[in-house]
Protein backbone atom coordinates (compact mmCIF):
# COMPACT_ATOMS: atom_id res chain seq x y z
CA MET A 1 -26.64 -14.19 30.72
CA ASP A 2 -23.67 -12.45 32.16
CA GLY A 3 -21.22 -14.68 30.28
CA VAL A 4 -22.97 -14.04 26.93
CA PHE A 5 -22.74 -10.21 27.55
CA SER A 6 -19.17 -10.44 28.41
CA PHE A 7 -18.40 -12.65 25.18
CA VAL A 8 -20.14 -10.06 23.08
CA ILE A 9 -18.11 -7.15 24.61
CA PHE A 10 -14.75 -8.97 24.27
CA ALA A 11 -15.58 -10.26 20.68
CA GLY A 12 -16.57 -6.62 19.99
CA LEU A 13 -13.12 -5.18 21.32
CA PHE A 14 -11.21 -7.93 19.53
CA TYR A 15 -12.79 -7.00 16.27
CA LEU A 16 -12.16 -3.30 16.65
CA MET A 17 -8.32 -4.04 17.47
CA MET A 18 -7.79 -6.31 14.65
CA ARG A 19 -9.66 -3.89 12.27
CA TYR A 20 -8.35 -0.49 13.35
CA GLY A 21 -5.53 -1.36 16.07
CA CYS A 22 -2.46 -3.40 16.39
CA GLY A 23 -3.73 -6.11 14.19
CA ALA A 24 -4.64 -3.94 11.22
CA HIS A 25 -1.33 -4.30 9.47
CA MET A 26 -1.57 -8.19 9.66
CA ALA A 27 -5.01 -8.43 8.24
CA HIS A 28 -4.20 -6.16 5.36
CA GLY A 29 -0.75 -7.72 4.51
CA HIS A 30 1.36 -4.79 5.32
CA HIS A 31 3.43 -6.90 7.79
CA LYS A 32 6.00 -8.19 5.09
CA GLU A 33 9.33 -6.43 5.41
CA GLN A 34 11.39 -6.01 2.28
CA THR A 35 14.69 -7.69 2.68
CA PRO A 36 17.95 -7.19 0.57
CA GLU A 37 17.63 -10.75 -0.73
CA GLN A 38 14.30 -10.02 -2.27
CA PRO A 39 14.56 -7.01 -4.34
CA GLU A 40 11.31 -5.69 -6.03
CA ALA A 41 12.73 -5.28 -9.35
CA ILE A 42 15.85 -6.30 -11.49
CA ILE A 43 17.60 -4.38 -14.35
CA ASP A 44 17.24 -6.09 -17.75
CA PRO A 45 20.79 -6.34 -19.10
CA VAL A 46 19.89 -5.80 -22.65
CA CYS A 47 17.84 -2.43 -22.73
CA ASN A 48 18.62 -1.75 -19.05
CA LYS A 49 14.61 -1.30 -18.22
CA ILE A 50 13.36 -2.37 -14.64
CA VAL A 51 11.54 -5.76 -14.62
CA GLU A 52 9.46 -6.60 -11.80
CA ILE A 53 10.50 -9.76 -10.05
CA ASP A 54 7.38 -11.64 -11.00
CA LYS A 55 7.21 -10.36 -14.44
CA GLY A 56 8.82 -10.73 -17.89
CA TYR A 57 11.17 -13.62 -18.74
CA GLY A 58 14.00 -15.31 -16.76
CA LYS A 59 17.14 -17.06 -17.97
CA LEU A 60 19.58 -18.96 -15.77
CA HIS A 61 23.21 -18.12 -17.07
CA ASP A 62 26.37 -19.41 -15.43
CA GLY A 63 24.38 -20.09 -12.30
CA GLU A 64 22.94 -16.61 -12.09
CA LEU A 65 19.07 -15.56 -12.98
CA TYR A 66 18.72 -12.58 -15.36
CA ARG A 67 15.20 -11.12 -15.96
CA PHE A 68 14.15 -9.60 -19.38
CA CYS A 69 11.30 -7.31 -20.09
CA SER A 70 10.37 -8.78 -23.28
CA LYS A 71 10.95 -12.11 -25.50
CA GLU A 72 13.05 -9.77 -27.82
CA CYS A 73 15.37 -9.02 -25.06
CA LEU A 74 15.74 -12.63 -23.98
CA ASP A 75 16.45 -13.61 -27.61
CA LYS A 76 19.19 -11.01 -27.98
CA PHE A 77 20.71 -12.28 -24.80
CA ASP A 78 20.67 -15.78 -26.02
CA VAL A 79 22.42 -14.83 -29.32
CA ASP A 80 25.41 -13.18 -27.30
CA PRO A 81 25.27 -13.05 -23.55
CA VAL A 82 28.77 -11.97 -23.29
CA LYS A 83 28.01 -8.83 -24.93
CA TYR A 84 25.34 -8.05 -22.46
CA LEU A 85 27.23 -9.10 -19.46
CA THR A 86 30.52 -7.04 -20.04
CA LYS A 87 28.86 -3.83 -20.74
CA THR A 88 30.57 -0.56 -19.26
CA ASP A 89 28.74 1.90 -17.09
CA ALA A 90 28.88 5.80 -17.44
CA THR A 91 32.33 5.92 -15.58
CA GLY A 92 33.87 3.26 -18.07
CA ALA A 93 33.99 0.55 -15.21
CA ARG A 94 32.93 -2.90 -16.19
CA LYS A 95 29.77 -4.14 -14.81
């Protein structure tokens, strides 16, 4: 009976530590770190809206993946990609 009691105590402590303690971040998915190689969002080159990495439409152009918020933006890009890839920013510098 002594072994069963010890097992229940350790199982309870293990549960509490995983639920509220050190293991809580692993159980709830908070252990993933954001890396520079995996941005959360990308800017649509046509309308400059933020597009989540797993949303919208994607187009591979000259070996680089571009994301678009809508099919309309993708269609505009398909017609003249150079127009959207050589935009200038507010300082006049080319992007």
